[in-house]
Amino acid sequence: MRHYCTYFDHRYLPQGLALYQSMRTHIGNFRLWVLALDEECEQILRRIRPEGVEVVCLRELEQADPDFRASRQTRSLVEFYFTSTSCFLLHLLKQHSEIKRITYLDADTYFFASPAEVEKEVEKSSIAITPHRFRPELEQHRRYGIYNVGWLNFRRDPEGVACLTRWREQCLQWCRDESEAGRFGDQGYLDEWPEKYEGVRVVNQPGFNEAPWNVEVNKITKKNGKIFIGNQPLVLFHFQGLRRISLRLFNPNWHDYGLRTSRKLIQEVYQPYLSTLLRTEGESGLSAKRQEFIRGQKNNTSLSLPSNICGYIVTGK
């Protein structure tokens, strides 16, 4: 049994369910531990009861970790959510002895193929991380960290537990949504791991934790129904910053990373993801509520269309 974990509130529940659906397609027997960050999210998950999903309510984590609960008073909501990453991982290892190895996934990641090869690569490591692999023109983004929190893997051994324990302590002390003195949220702390811990494996494979900051659109191909980045299969994509503008219009946040519009990237990567996202939104019961909210905000300038919508994605669903 492979163990994974993630967290999200009701606003990110469609992304979380889309991730789950991709796991159902590409991973065999697994258990996904979900930290429900608000009551609406918890209620929906308990109602639909996805097979293989274990729901952990925020109250449980806060009761088990009073220092984590207290951190809510000193930081913004997103900073509190960042703080939960290490606290949740360590909590799961403490409470569930059956978890020998666990993989953390950001809710906005999505599997396009099986991660079996990567998981085999890291099975002897205590800690596994992935670099951002920023394109050369994005070197200034290194201030946000060399490594990305979107996918992390820990083994229940002295090094894995020591790393999680120290990371939790660091995040409780400082976890701000800004870059400062080599730190950024919960992410900048990862930079020291390869030197501090002997059992760290850096997974530096194109197509794994692919994202707007590292994808090379001219290398996207499709062969026999599978998507490739160069010669490597696309296994995991990180849809960081994807934002809904209206019922059918999405901002993929490419402009932040200087990424030009790509028909292949839209058709082969984003459209399949958006189809799953909208389907899970409907299945969760959020669809009608989301549409009502967007229609109610139609006069809000924050939802008005930009004069140049190049790079924005329109879905017909």
Protein backbone atom coordinates (compact mmCIF):
# COMPACT_ATOMS: atom_id res chain seq x y z
CA MET A 1 0.00 0.00 0.00
CA ARG A 2 1.42 3.38 -1.04
CA HIS A 3 0.55 6.38 1.09
CA TYR A 4 0.06 9.93 -0.18
CA CYS A 5 -1.20 13.10 1.43
CA THR A 6 -2.42 16.52 0.40
CA TYR A 7 -4.56 19.33 1.79
CA PHE A 8 -7.10 21.85 0.51
CA ASP A 9 -10.15 23.86 1.50
CA HIS A 10 -13.50 23.94 -0.34
CA ARG A 11 -12.15 26.47 -2.85
CA TYR A 12 -9.46 24.02 -3.97
CA LEU A 13 -11.62 20.91 -3.59
CA PRO A 14 -12.11 20.46 -7.38
CA GLN A 15 -8.31 20.51 -7.81
CA GLY A 16 -7.92 17.99 -5.02
CA LEU A 17 -10.51 15.69 -6.54
CA ALA A 18 -8.92 16.06 -9.99
CA LEU A 19 -5.61 14.98 -8.46
CA TYR A 20 -7.37 12.02 -6.87
CA GLN A 21 -8.94 11.01 -10.20
CA SER A 22 -5.53 11.10 -11.88
CA MET A 23 -4.17 8.85 -9.13
CA ARG A 24 -7.04 6.41 -9.66
CA THR A 25 -6.07 6.25 -13.32
CA HIS A 26 -2.31 5.91 -12.99
CA ILE A 27 -1.57 4.46 -9.53
CA GLY A 28 -2.66 1.05 -8.32
CA ASN A 29 -3.41 0.45 -4.67
CA PHE A 30 -3.00 3.63 -2.62
CA ARG A 31 -4.31 5.58 0.33
CA LEU A 32 -4.65 9.35 0.05
CA TRP A 33 -4.74 11.22 3.36
CA VAL A 34 -6.50 14.57 2.92
CA LEU A 35 -6.34 17.38 5.45
CA ALA A 36 -9.67 19.20 5.00
CA LEU A 37 -8.86 22.81 5.78
CA ASP A 38 -12.45 23.95 6.38
CA GLU A 39 -15.76 22.43 7.37
CA GLU A 40 -17.38 22.69 3.94
CA CYS A 41 -14.53 20.71 2.40
CA GLU A 42 -14.73 18.11 5.15
CA GLN A 43 -18.50 17.72 4.79
CA ILE A 44 -18.34 17.26 1.02
CA LEU A 45 -15.53 14.69 1.25
CA ARG A 46 -17.40 12.72 3.90
CA ARG A 47 -20.55 12.83 1.76
CA ILE A 48 -19.02 11.63 -1.50
CA ARG A 49 -16.56 9.24 0.25
CA PRO A 50 -13.94 8.75 -2.48
CA GLU A 51 -12.52 5.24 -2.32
CA GLY A 52 -9.05 5.15 -0.76
CA VAL A 53 -9.33 8.64 0.74
CA GLU A 54 -8.89 9.18 4.48
CA VAL A 55 -10.19 12.56 5.64
CA VAL A 56 -8.40 14.31 8.48
CA CYS A 57 -10.22 17.39 9.76
CA LEU A 58 -8.28 20.51 10.67
CA ARG A 59 -9.55 20.25 14.26
CA GLU A 60 -7.76 16.92 14.70
CA LEU A 61 -4.41 18.35 13.61
CA GLU A 62 -4.87 21.46 15.74
CA GLN A 63 -5.74 19.42 18.81
CA ALA A 64 -2.75 17.14 18.30
CA ASP A 65 -0.39 20.06 17.64
CA PRO A 66 -1.20 23.11 19.81
CA ASP A 67 1.79 25.04 18.46
CA PHE A 68 0.40 24.67 14.96
CA ARG A 69 -3.02 25.85 16.16
CA ALA A 70 -1.44 28.89 17.81
CA SER A 71 0.40 29.83 14.60
CA ARG A 72 -2.92 30.80 13.01
CA GLN A 73 -2.90 33.97 15.14
CA THR A 74 0.36 35.27 13.70
CA ARG A 75 0.01 34.71 9.95
CA SER A 76 -2.30 35.05 6.99
CA LEU A 77 -4.53 32.18 5.85
CA VAL A 78 -2.16 31.14 3.06
CA GLU A 79 0.77 31.28 5.48
CA PHE A 80 -1.18 29.12 7.94
CA TYR A 81 -1.82 26.65 5.12
CA PHE A 82 1.90 26.65 4.23
CA THR A 83 2.68 25.93 7.87
CA SER A 84 0.40 22.89 7.80
CA THR A 85 2.55 20.95 5.29
CA SER A 86 5.27 19.78 7.67
CA CYS A 87 2.90 19.58 10.64
CA PHE A 88 0.48 17.33 8.74
CA LEU A 89 3.21 15.01 7.45
CA LEU A 90 4.74 14.56 10.88
CA HIS A 91 1.29 14.07 12.43
CA LEU A 92 0.51 11.23 10.01
CA LEU A 93 3.76 9.43 10.79
CA LYS A 94 3.13 9.77 14.53
CA GLN A 95 -0.48 8.60 14.40
CA HIS A 96 -0.29 5.82 11.81
CA SER A 97 2.42 3.23 12.26
CA GLU A 98 1.39 1.49 9.03
CA ILE A 99 2.82 4.40 7.03
CA LYS A 100 6.41 3.44 6.24
CA ARG A 101 6.84 5.96 3.44
CA ILE A 102 4.66 8.88 2.46
CA THR A 103 4.49 11.24 -0.51
CA TYR A 104 3.14 14.76 -0.18
CA LEU A 105 1.43 16.31 -3.23
CA ASP A 106 0.19 19.84 -3.79
CA ALA A 107 -3.53 19.77 -4.57
CA ASP A 108 -2.95 21.42 -7.96
CA THR A 109 -0.69 18.64 -9.25
CA TYR A 110 -2.01 15.99 -11.64
CA PHE A 111 -0.69 12.65 -12.90
CA PHE A 112 -0.54 12.00 -16.64
CA ALA A 113 1.29 8.67 -16.26
CA SER A 114 2.38 6.24 -13.57
CA PRO A 115 5.04 7.49 -11.10
CA ALA A 116 6.29 3.91 -10.59
CA GLU A 117 9.77 4.55 -12.04
CA VAL A 118 10.35 7.60 -9.84
CA GLU A 119 9.06 5.78 -6.77
CA LYS A 120 11.44 2.92 -7.51
CA GLU A 121 14.27 5.44 -7.88
CA VAL A 122 13.65 6.91 -4.42
CA GLU A 123 12.69 3.77 -2.48
CA LYS A 124 16.07 3.54 -0.72
CA SER A 125 16.25 7.23 0.16
CA SER A 126 15.07 8.83 3.39
CA ILE A 127 13.99 12.05 1.70
CA ALA A 128 13.24 12.83 -1.95
CA ILE A 129 12.70 16.25 -3.51
CA THR A 130 12.44 17.82 -6.96
CA PRO A 131 14.22 20.97 -8.17
CA HIS A 132 12.30 23.78 -9.83
CA ARG A 133 14.57 23.46 -12.90
CA PHE A 134 13.87 27.09 -13.78
CA ARG A 135 14.42 27.97 -17.40
CA PRO A 136 17.55 30.19 -17.81
CA GLU A 137 15.52 33.38 -18.16
CA LEU A 138 13.89 32.73 -14.77
CA GLU A 139 17.01 32.54 -12.61
CA GLN A 140 15.70 35.41 -10.48
CA HIS A 141 12.98 33.02 -9.25
CA ARG A 142 15.61 31.03 -7.37
CA ARG A 143 14.94 33.36 -4.44
CA TYR A 144 11.79 31.28 -3.91
CA GLY A 145 13.89 28.17 -3.43
CA ILE A 146 15.92 25.71 -5.47
CA TYR A 147 13.43 22.94 -4.75
CA ASN A 148 9.65 22.79 -5.06
CA VAL A 149 7.28 21.66 -2.32
CA GLY A 150 4.76 20.32 -4.85
CA TRP A 151 6.08 16.75 -4.51
CA LEU A 152 7.95 15.43 -1.47
CA ASN A 153 8.72 11.91 -0.31
CA PHE A 154 9.72 10.75 3.18
CA ARG A 155 10.58 7.38 4.68
CA ARG A 156 9.88 6.60 8.30
CA ASP A 157 13.51 6.34 9.43
CA PRO A 158 15.72 8.52 11.67
CA GLU A 159 16.72 10.91 8.87
CA GLY A 160 13.25 11.25 7.42
CA VAL A 161 11.68 11.94 10.81
CA ALA A 162 14.52 14.28 11.85
CA CYS A 163 14.07 16.29 8.66
CA LEU A 164 10.31 16.60 9.15
CA THR A 165 10.75 17.53 12.81
CA ARG A 166 13.23 20.30 12.05
CA TRP A 167 11.15 21.55 9.10
CA ARG A 168 8.06 21.78 11.31
CA GLU A 169 10.00 23.78 13.90
CA GLN A 170 11.33 26.14 11.23
CA CYS A 171 7.87 26.71 9.73
CA LEU A 172 6.33 27.37 13.13
CA GLN A 173 8.99 29.99 13.73
CA TRP A 174 8.77 31.66 10.29
CA CYS A 175 6.54 30.87 7.31
CA ARG A 176 5.71 34.08 5.51
CA ASP A 177 4.37 34.45 1.98
CA GLU A 178 7.39 36.43 0.85
CA SER A 179 11.06 35.98 0.07
CA GLU A 180 13.35 36.97 2.89
CA ALA A 181 16.98 36.02 3.66
CA GLY A 182 16.84 32.82 1.61
CA ARG A 183 13.45 31.82 3.00
CA PHE A 184 10.07 31.65 1.32
CA GLY A 185 7.02 30.15 3.03
CA ASP A 186 7.67 26.49 3.80
CA GLN A 187 9.71 26.06 0.62
CA GLY A 188 13.03 27.88 1.08
CA TYR A 189 14.01 25.55 3.91
CA LEU A 190 14.41 22.68 1.43
CA ASP A 191 17.58 24.26 0.01
CA GLU A 192 19.70 22.93 2.88
CA TRP A 193 18.42 19.35 2.82
CA PRO A 194 20.86 17.79 0.30
CA GLU A 195 23.84 18.98 2.35
CA LYS A 196 22.32 18.45 5.80
CA TYR A 197 20.94 14.92 5.28
CA GLU A 198 22.79 12.03 3.66
CA GLY A 199 19.67 10.20 2.56
CA VAL A 200 18.33 12.84 0.19
CA ARG A 201 17.49 11.91 -3.39
CA VAL A 202 16.99 14.74 -5.88
CA VAL A 203 14.62 13.69 -8.68
CA ASN A 204 15.78 15.78 -11.61
CA GLN A 205 13.70 14.25 -14.38
CA PRO A 206 11.96 16.29 -17.08
CA GLY A 207 8.28 15.41 -17.10
CA PHE A 208 8.13 14.97 -13.33
CA ASN A 209 6.76 17.95 -11.41
CA GLU A 210 6.68 19.80 -14.72
CA ALA A 211 5.31 23.33 -14.33
CA PRO A 212 4.96 26.71 -16.06
CA TRP A 213 8.44 27.70 -14.81
CA ASN A 214 10.27 24.75 -16.39
CA VAL A 215 8.17 23.33 -19.22
CA GLU A 216 9.72 23.60 -22.68
CA VAL A 217 6.67 23.81 -24.92
CA ASN A 218 8.61 23.07 -28.10
CA LYS A 219 9.47 19.61 -26.69
CA ILE A 220 5.87 18.50 -26.07
CA THR A 221 4.83 15.55 -28.25
CA LYS A 222 2.19 12.86 -28.14
CA LYS A 223 3.00 9.28 -29.09
CA ASN A 224 0.62 6.34 -28.86
CA GLY A 225 -1.71 8.34 -26.66
CA LYS A 226 1.05 9.32 -24.20
CA ILE A 227 2.45 12.81 -23.69
CA PHE A 228 6.22 13.33 -23.72
CA ILE A 229 8.55 16.17 -22.79
CA GLY A 230 11.43 15.45 -25.14
CA ASN A 231 12.20 11.77 -24.61
CA GLN A 232 10.66 11.62 -21.14
CA PRO A 233 6.99 10.84 -20.46
CA LEU A 234 4.98 13.54 -18.76
CA VAL A 235 4.21 11.99 -15.37
CA LEU A 236 3.27 14.84 -13.06
CA PHE A 237 2.29 18.41 -13.94
CA HIS A 238 1.98 21.24 -11.43
CA PHE A 239 -0.80 23.66 -12.44
CA GLN A 240 0.44 26.39 -10.12
CA GLY A 241 -1.41 29.70 -10.33
CA LEU A 242 -4.24 28.49 -12.57
CA ARG A 243 -7.15 30.82 -11.89
CA ARG A 244 -10.73 30.91 -13.08
CA ILE A 245 -11.79 34.21 -14.63
CA SER A 246 -15.33 33.32 -15.66
CA LEU A 247 -17.43 30.20 -16.24
CA ARG A 248 -15.45 29.23 -19.33
CA LEU A 249 -12.25 31.30 -19.12
CA PHE A 250 -9.12 30.36 -17.19
CA ASN A 251 -5.88 32.24 -16.60
CA PRO A 252 -3.02 29.68 -16.56
CA ASN A 253 -0.64 32.23 -14.98
CA TRP A 254 1.90 31.87 -17.76
CA HIS A 255 2.75 35.57 -17.87
CA ASP A 256 4.49 35.33 -14.49
CA TYR A 257 6.96 32.91 -16.04
CA GLY A 258 7.32 34.45 -19.50
CA LEU A 259 5.63 31.44 -21.08
CA ARG A 260 4.18 32.01 -24.53
CA THR A 261 0.88 30.58 -25.69
CA SER A 262 1.30 27.03 -26.95
CA ARG A 263 -1.39 25.07 -28.77
CA LYS A 264 0.22 21.78 -27.73
CA LEU A 265 0.43 22.77 -24.09
CA ILE A 266 -3.23 23.81 -24.11
CA GLN A 267 -4.55 20.79 -26.02
CA GLU A 268 -2.41 18.04 -24.52
CA VAL A 269 -1.96 19.24 -20.93
CA TYR A 270 -4.35 21.98 -19.84
CA GLN A 271 -7.57 20.98 -21.61
CA PRO A 272 -7.57 17.40 -20.25
CA TYR A 273 -6.93 18.79 -16.77
CA LEU A 274 -9.67 21.41 -17.05
CA SER A 275 -12.13 18.77 -18.24
CA THR A 276 -11.42 16.71 -15.12
CA LEU A 277 -11.51 19.82 -12.94
CA LEU A 278 -14.95 20.86 -14.16
CA ARG A 279 -16.30 17.32 -13.89
CA THR A 280 -15.13 16.98 -10.28
CA GLU A 281 -16.57 20.40 -9.51
CA GLY A 282 -19.96 19.18 -10.67
CA GLU A 283 -19.69 15.85 -8.85
CA SER A 284 -18.78 17.59 -5.60
CA GLY A 285 -21.87 19.80 -5.76
CA LEU A 286 -19.83 22.98 -5.99
CA SER A 287 -20.66 23.67 -9.64
CA ALA A 288 -23.97 25.48 -9.10
CA LYS A 289 -22.58 27.46 -6.19
CA ARG A 290 -19.49 28.44 -8.19
CA GLN A 291 -21.59 29.57 -11.16
CA GLU A 292 -23.86 31.59 -8.92
CA PHE A 293 -20.87 33.31 -7.34
CA ILE A 294 -19.23 34.15 -10.68
CA ARG A 295 -22.47 35.47 -12.16
CA GLY A 296 -23.01 37.55 -9.03
CA GLN A 297 -19.58 39.07 -9.51
CA LYS A 298 -20.03 39.91 -13.20
CA ASN A 299 -19.73 43.63 -12.52
CA ASN A 300 -16.66 43.20 -10.36
CA THR A 301 -13.66 44.77 -12.15
CA SER A 302 -11.43 41.96 -10.89
CA LEU A 303 -13.34 39.58 -13.16
CA SER A 304 -13.41 41.79 -16.24
CA LEU A 305 -11.55 40.43 -19.23
CA PRO A 306 -8.13 41.88 -20.03
CA SER A 307 -7.74 43.74 -23.30
CA ASN A 308 -5.21 41.12 -24.42
CA ILE A 309 -6.33 37.61 -23.48
CA CYS A 310 -3.49 35.88 -25.34
CA GLY A 311 -2.54 32.86 -23.26
CA TYR A 312 -5.91 32.55 -21.56
CA ILE A 313 -7.72 29.25 -21.99
CA VAL A 314 -11.37 28.92 -22.99
CA THR A 315 -13.05 25.62 -22.27
CA GLY A 316 -16.29 24.49 -23.85
CA LYS A 317 -17.36 22.47 -20.83
